[in-house]
Amino acid sequence: MELARAAAGERDVPISGGAQTINHHLAAGMIDEPRLHLVPVVFGAGWRP
């Protein structure tokens, strides 16, 4: 994260990952503004629109 922030300068540094990654960065105080992206997934005999 330190290298990414140094390279980004004043720009934002996005973090991608699952719950474990986000929880780690939240606990370390590295996230200022969380954004959640949800992707619907159909399992089994569902239909695709």
PDB file of N, CA and C in Angstrom:
ATOM      1  N   MET A   1       0.826  -1.177   0.000  1.00  0.00           N
ATOM      2  CA  MET A   1       0.000   0.000   0.000  1.00  0.00           C
ATOM      3  C   MET A   1       0.870   1.240   0.000  1.00  0.00           C
ATOM      4  N   GLU A   2       1.986   1.204   0.712  1.00  0.00           N
ATOM      5  CA  GLU A   2       2.860   2.381   0.744  1.00  0.00           C
ATOM      6  C   GLU A   2       3.400   2.700  -0.644  1.00  0.00           C
ATOM      7  N   LEU A   3       3.792   1.676  -1.384  1.00  0.00           N
ATOM      8  CA  LEU A   3       4.301   1.885  -2.739  1.00  0.00           C
ATOM      9  C   LEU A   3       3.211   2.428  -3.663  1.00  0.00           C
ATOM     10  N   ALA A   4       2.004   1.903  -3.511  1.00  0.00           N
ATOM     11  CA  ALA A   4       0.891   2.357  -4.349  1.00  0.00           C
ATOM     12  C   ALA A   4       0.558   3.816  -4.050  1.00  0.00           C
ATOM     13  N   ARG A   5       0.547   4.200  -2.788  1.00  0.00           N
ATOM     14  CA  ARG A   5       0.248   5.588  -2.430  1.00  0.00           C
ATOM     15  C   ARG A   5       1.345   6.536  -2.917  1.00  0.00           C
ATOM     16  N   ALA A   6       2.602   6.090  -2.832  1.00  0.00           N
ATOM     17  CA  ALA A   6       3.708   6.917  -3.312  1.00  0.00           C
ATOM     18  C   ALA A   6       3.614   7.113  -4.828  1.00  0.00           C
ATOM     19  N   ALA A   7       3.259   6.053  -5.547  1.00  0.00           N
ATOM     20  CA  ALA A   7       3.149   6.135  -7.000  1.00  0.00           C
ATOM     21  C   ALA A   7       1.933   6.958  -7.426  1.00  0.00           C
ATOM     22  N   ALA A   8       0.854   6.922  -6.645  1.00  0.00           N
ATOM     23  CA  ALA A   8      -0.382   7.617  -7.003  1.00  0.00           C
ATOM     24  C   ALA A   8      -0.323   9.106  -6.713  1.00  0.00           C
ATOM     25  N   GLY A   9       0.532   9.504  -5.810  1.00  0.00           N
ATOM     26  CA  GLY A   9       0.587  10.930  -5.449  1.00  0.00           C
ATOM     27  C   GLY A   9      -0.698  11.354  -4.770  1.00  0.00           C
ATOM     28  N   GLU A  10      -1.419  12.298  -5.367  1.00  0.00           N
ATOM     29  CA  GLU A  10      -2.669  12.813  -4.796  1.00  0.00           C
ATOM     30  C   GLU A  10      -3.893  12.031  -5.254  1.00  0.00           C
ATOM     31  N   ARG A  11      -3.706  11.099  -6.169  1.00  0.00           N
ATOM     32  CA  ARG A  11      -4.849  10.350  -6.702  1.00  0.00           C
ATOM     33  C   ARG A  11      -5.258   9.228  -5.749  1.00  0.00           C
ATOM     34  N   ASP A  12      -6.458   8.675  -5.986  1.00  0.00           N
ATOM     35  CA  ASP A  12      -6.970   7.564  -5.185  1.00  0.00           C
ATOM     36  C   ASP A  12      -6.237   6.276  -5.528  1.00  0.00           C
ATOM     37  N   VAL A  13      -6.171   5.373  -4.555  1.00  0.00           N
ATOM     38  CA  VAL A  13      -5.609   4.040  -4.765  1.00  0.00           C
ATOM     39  C   VAL A  13      -6.737   3.044  -4.553  1.00  0.00           C
ATOM     40  N   PRO A  14      -7.243   2.417  -5.629  1.00  0.00           N
ATOM     41  CA  PRO A  14      -8.330   1.450  -5.481  1.00  0.00           C
ATOM     42  C   PRO A  14      -7.825   0.122  -4.929  1.00  0.00           C
ATOM     43  N   ILE A  15      -8.669  -0.536  -4.151  1.00  0.00           N
ATOM     44  CA  ILE A  15      -8.361  -1.860  -3.603  1.00  0.00           C
ATOM     45  C   ILE A  15      -9.447  -2.813  -4.082  1.00  0.00           C
ATOM     46  N   SER A  16      -9.041  -3.906  -4.696  1.00  0.00           N
ATOM     47  CA  SER A  16      -9.993  -4.918  -5.152  1.00  0.00           C
ATOM     48  C   SER A  16      -9.751  -6.195  -4.373  1.00  0.00           C
ATOM     49  N   GLY A  17     -10.829  -6.892  -4.071  1.00  0.00           N
ATOM     50  CA  GLY A  17     -10.671  -8.153  -3.368  1.00  0.00           C
ATOM     51  C   GLY A  17     -11.954  -8.578  -2.714  1.00  0.00           C
ATOM     52  N   GLY A  18     -11.843  -9.634  -1.980  1.00  0.00           N
ATOM     53  CA  GLY A  18     -12.989 -10.178  -1.277  1.00  0.00           C
ATOM     54  C   GLY A  18     -13.107  -9.601   0.122  1.00  0.00           C
ATOM     55  N   ALA A  19     -13.923 -10.245   0.916  1.00  0.00           N
ATOM     56  CA  ALA A  19     -14.211  -9.760   2.267  1.00  0.00           C
ATOM     57  C   ALA A  19     -12.960  -9.713   3.136  1.00  0.00           C
ATOM     58  N   GLN A  20     -12.097 -10.695   3.013  1.00  0.00           N
ATOM     59  CA  GLN A  20     -10.890 -10.735   3.841  1.00  0.00           C
ATOM     60  C   GLN A  20      -9.963  -9.549   3.530  1.00  0.00           C
ATOM     61  N   THR A  21      -9.820  -9.231   2.261  1.00  0.00           N
ATOM     62  CA  THR A  21      -8.988  -8.095   1.862  1.00  0.00           C
ATOM     63  C   THR A  21      -9.558  -6.792   2.390  1.00  0.00           C
ATOM     64  N   ILE A  22     -10.848  -6.606   2.224  1.00  0.00           N
ATOM     65  CA  ILE A  22     -11.492  -5.377   2.680  1.00  0.00           C
ATOM     66  C   ILE A  22     -11.431  -5.259   4.200  1.00  0.00           C
ATOM     67  N   ASN A  23     -11.693  -6.352   4.913  1.00  0.00           N
ATOM     68  CA  ASN A  23     -11.629  -6.322   6.383  1.00  0.00           C
ATOM     69  C   ASN A  23     -10.224  -5.962   6.869  1.00  0.00           C
ATOM     70  N   HIS A  24      -9.205  -6.486   6.214  1.00  0.00           N
ATOM     71  CA  HIS A  24      -7.822  -6.183   6.585  1.00  0.00           C
ATOM     72  C   HIS A  24      -7.541  -4.691   6.445  1.00  0.00           C
ATOM     73  N   HIS A  25      -7.936  -4.113   5.306  1.00  0.00           N
ATOM     74  CA  HIS A  25      -7.675  -2.700   5.068  1.00  0.00           C
ATOM     75  C   HIS A  25      -8.555  -1.792   5.936  1.00  0.00           C
ATOM     76  N   LEU A  26      -9.778  -2.221   6.234  1.00  0.00           N
ATOM     77  CA  LEU A  26     -10.624  -1.453   7.154  1.00  0.00           C
ATOM     78  C   LEU A  26     -10.015  -1.419   8.550  1.00  0.00           C
ATOM     79  N   ALA A  27      -9.545  -2.577   9.023  1.00  0.00           N
ATOM     80  CA  ALA A  27      -8.955  -2.660  10.360  1.00  0.00           C
ATOM     81  C   ALA A  27      -7.684  -1.813  10.457  1.00  0.00           C
ATOM     82  N   ALA A  28      -6.945  -1.694   9.356  1.00  0.00           N
ATOM     83  CA  ALA A  28      -5.716  -0.911   9.349  1.00  0.00           C
ATOM     84  C   ALA A  28      -5.977   0.577   9.122  1.00  0.00           C
ATOM     85  N   GLY A  29      -7.243   0.953   8.896  1.00  0.00           N
ATOM     86  CA  GLY A  29      -7.589   2.354   8.686  1.00  0.00           C
ATOM     87  C   GLY A  29      -7.149   2.889   7.330  1.00  0.00           C
ATOM     88  N   MET A  30      -7.057   2.024   6.339  1.00  0.00           N
ATOM     89  CA  MET A  30      -6.574   2.421   5.020  1.00  0.00           C
ATOM     90  C   MET A  30      -7.689   2.764   4.037  1.00  0.00           C
ATOM     91  N   ILE A  31      -8.950   2.624   4.443  1.00  0.00           N
ATOM     92  CA  ILE A  31     -10.056   2.883   3.531  1.00  0.00           C
ATOM     93  C   ILE A  31     -10.795   4.131   3.995  1.00  0.00           C
ATOM     94  N   ASP A  32     -10.876   5.111   3.076  1.00  0.00           N
ATOM     95  CA  ASP A  32     -11.590   6.355   3.373  1.00  0.00           C
ATOM     96  C   ASP A  32     -13.037   6.288   2.915  1.00  0.00           C
ATOM     97  N   GLU A  33     -13.270   5.679   1.759  1.00  0.00           N
ATOM     98  CA  GLU A  33     -14.602   5.637   1.164  1.00  0.00           C
ATOM     99  C   GLU A  33     -14.838   4.274   0.519  1.00  0.00           C
ATOM    100  N   PRO A  34     -15.547   3.370   1.202  1.00  0.00           N
ATOM    101  CA  PRO A  34     -15.797   2.049   0.605  1.00  0.00           C
ATOM    102  C   PRO A  34     -16.875   2.109  -0.474  1.00  0.00           C
ATOM    103  N   ARG A  35     -16.686   1.345  -1.526  1.00  0.00           N
ATOM    104  CA  ARG A  35     -17.690   1.191  -2.586  1.00  0.00           C
ATOM    105  C   ARG A  35     -17.891  -0.302  -2.796  1.00  0.00           C
ATOM    106  N   LEU A  36     -19.121  -0.719  -2.824  1.00  0.00           N
ATOM    107  CA  LEU A  36     -19.449  -2.131  -2.961  1.00  0.00           C
ATOM    108  C   LEU A  36     -20.100  -2.372  -4.311  1.00  0.00           C
ATOM    109  N   HIS A  37     -19.571  -3.337  -5.036  1.00  0.00           N
ATOM    110  CA  HIS A  37     -20.128  -3.713  -6.330  1.00  0.00           C
ATOM    111  C   HIS A  37     -20.688  -5.126  -6.219  1.00  0.00           C
ATOM    112  N   LEU A  38     -21.961  -5.288  -6.528  1.00  0.00           N
ATOM    113  CA  LEU A  38     -22.613  -6.590  -6.458  1.00  0.00           C
ATOM    114  C   LEU A  38     -22.882  -7.099  -7.865  1.00  0.00           C
ATOM    115  N   VAL A  39     -22.611  -8.375  -8.067  1.00  0.00           N
ATOM    116  CA  VAL A  39     -22.858  -9.010  -9.363  1.00  0.00           C
ATOM    117  C   VAL A  39     -23.824 -10.159  -9.117  1.00  0.00           C
ATOM    118  N   PRO A  40     -25.001 -10.108  -9.723  1.00  0.00           N
ATOM    119  CA  PRO A  40     -25.965 -11.197  -9.513  1.00  0.00           C
ATOM    120  C   PRO A  40     -25.491 -12.493 -10.156  1.00  0.00           C
ATOM    121  N   VAL A  41     -25.671 -13.580  -9.444  1.00  0.00           N
ATOM    122  CA  VAL A  41     -25.265 -14.898  -9.941  1.00  0.00           C
ATOM    123  C   VAL A  41     -26.453 -15.843  -9.768  1.00  0.00           C
ATOM    124  N   VAL A  42     -26.755 -16.632 -10.782  1.00  0.00           N
ATOM    125  CA  VAL A  42     -27.838 -17.599 -10.716  1.00  0.00           C
ATOM    126  C   VAL A  42     -27.237 -18.991 -10.639  1.00  0.00           C
ATOM    127  N   PHE A  43     -27.625 -19.756  -9.633  1.00  0.00           N
ATOM    128  CA  PHE A  43     -27.150 -21.133  -9.485  1.00  0.00           C
ATOM    129  C   PHE A  43     -28.276 -22.094  -9.831  1.00  0.00           C
ATOM    130  N   GLY A  44     -27.936 -23.236 -10.335  1.00  0.00           N
ATOM    131  CA  GLY A  44     -28.941 -24.266 -10.587  1.00  0.00           C
ATOM    132  C   GLY A  44     -29.672 -24.054 -11.892  1.00  0.00           C
ATOM    133  N   ALA A  45     -30.995 -24.193 -11.852  1.00  0.00           N
ATOM    134  CA  ALA A  45     -31.809 -24.154 -13.060  1.00  0.00           C
ATOM    135  C   ALA A  45     -32.402 -22.783 -13.313  1.00  0.00           C
ATOM    136  N   GLY A  46     -31.679 -21.746 -13.013  1.00  0.00           N
ATOM    137  CA  GLY A  46     -32.168 -20.395 -13.246  1.00  0.00           C
ATOM    138  C   GLY A  46     -32.154 -20.059 -14.736  1.00  0.00           C
ATOM    139  N   TRP A  47     -32.740 -18.926 -15.072  1.00  0.00           N
ATOM    140  CA  TRP A  47     -32.765 -18.510 -16.483  1.00  0.00           C
ATOM    141  C   TRP A  47     -32.042 -17.181 -16.616  1.00  0.00           C
ATOM    142  N   ARG A  48     -31.491 -16.947 -17.767  1.00  0.00           N
ATOM    143  CA  ARG A  48     -30.781 -15.707 -18.053  1.00  0.00           C
ATOM    144  C   ARG A  48     -31.706 -14.779 -18.845  1.00  0.00           C
ATOM    145  N   PRO A  49     -31.878 -13.551 -18.393  1.00  0.00           N
ATOM    146  CA  PRO A  49     -32.763 -12.612 -19.098  1.00  0.00           C
ATOM    147  C   PRO A  49     -32.192 -12.207 -20.446  1.00  0.00           C
TER     148      PRO A  49
END
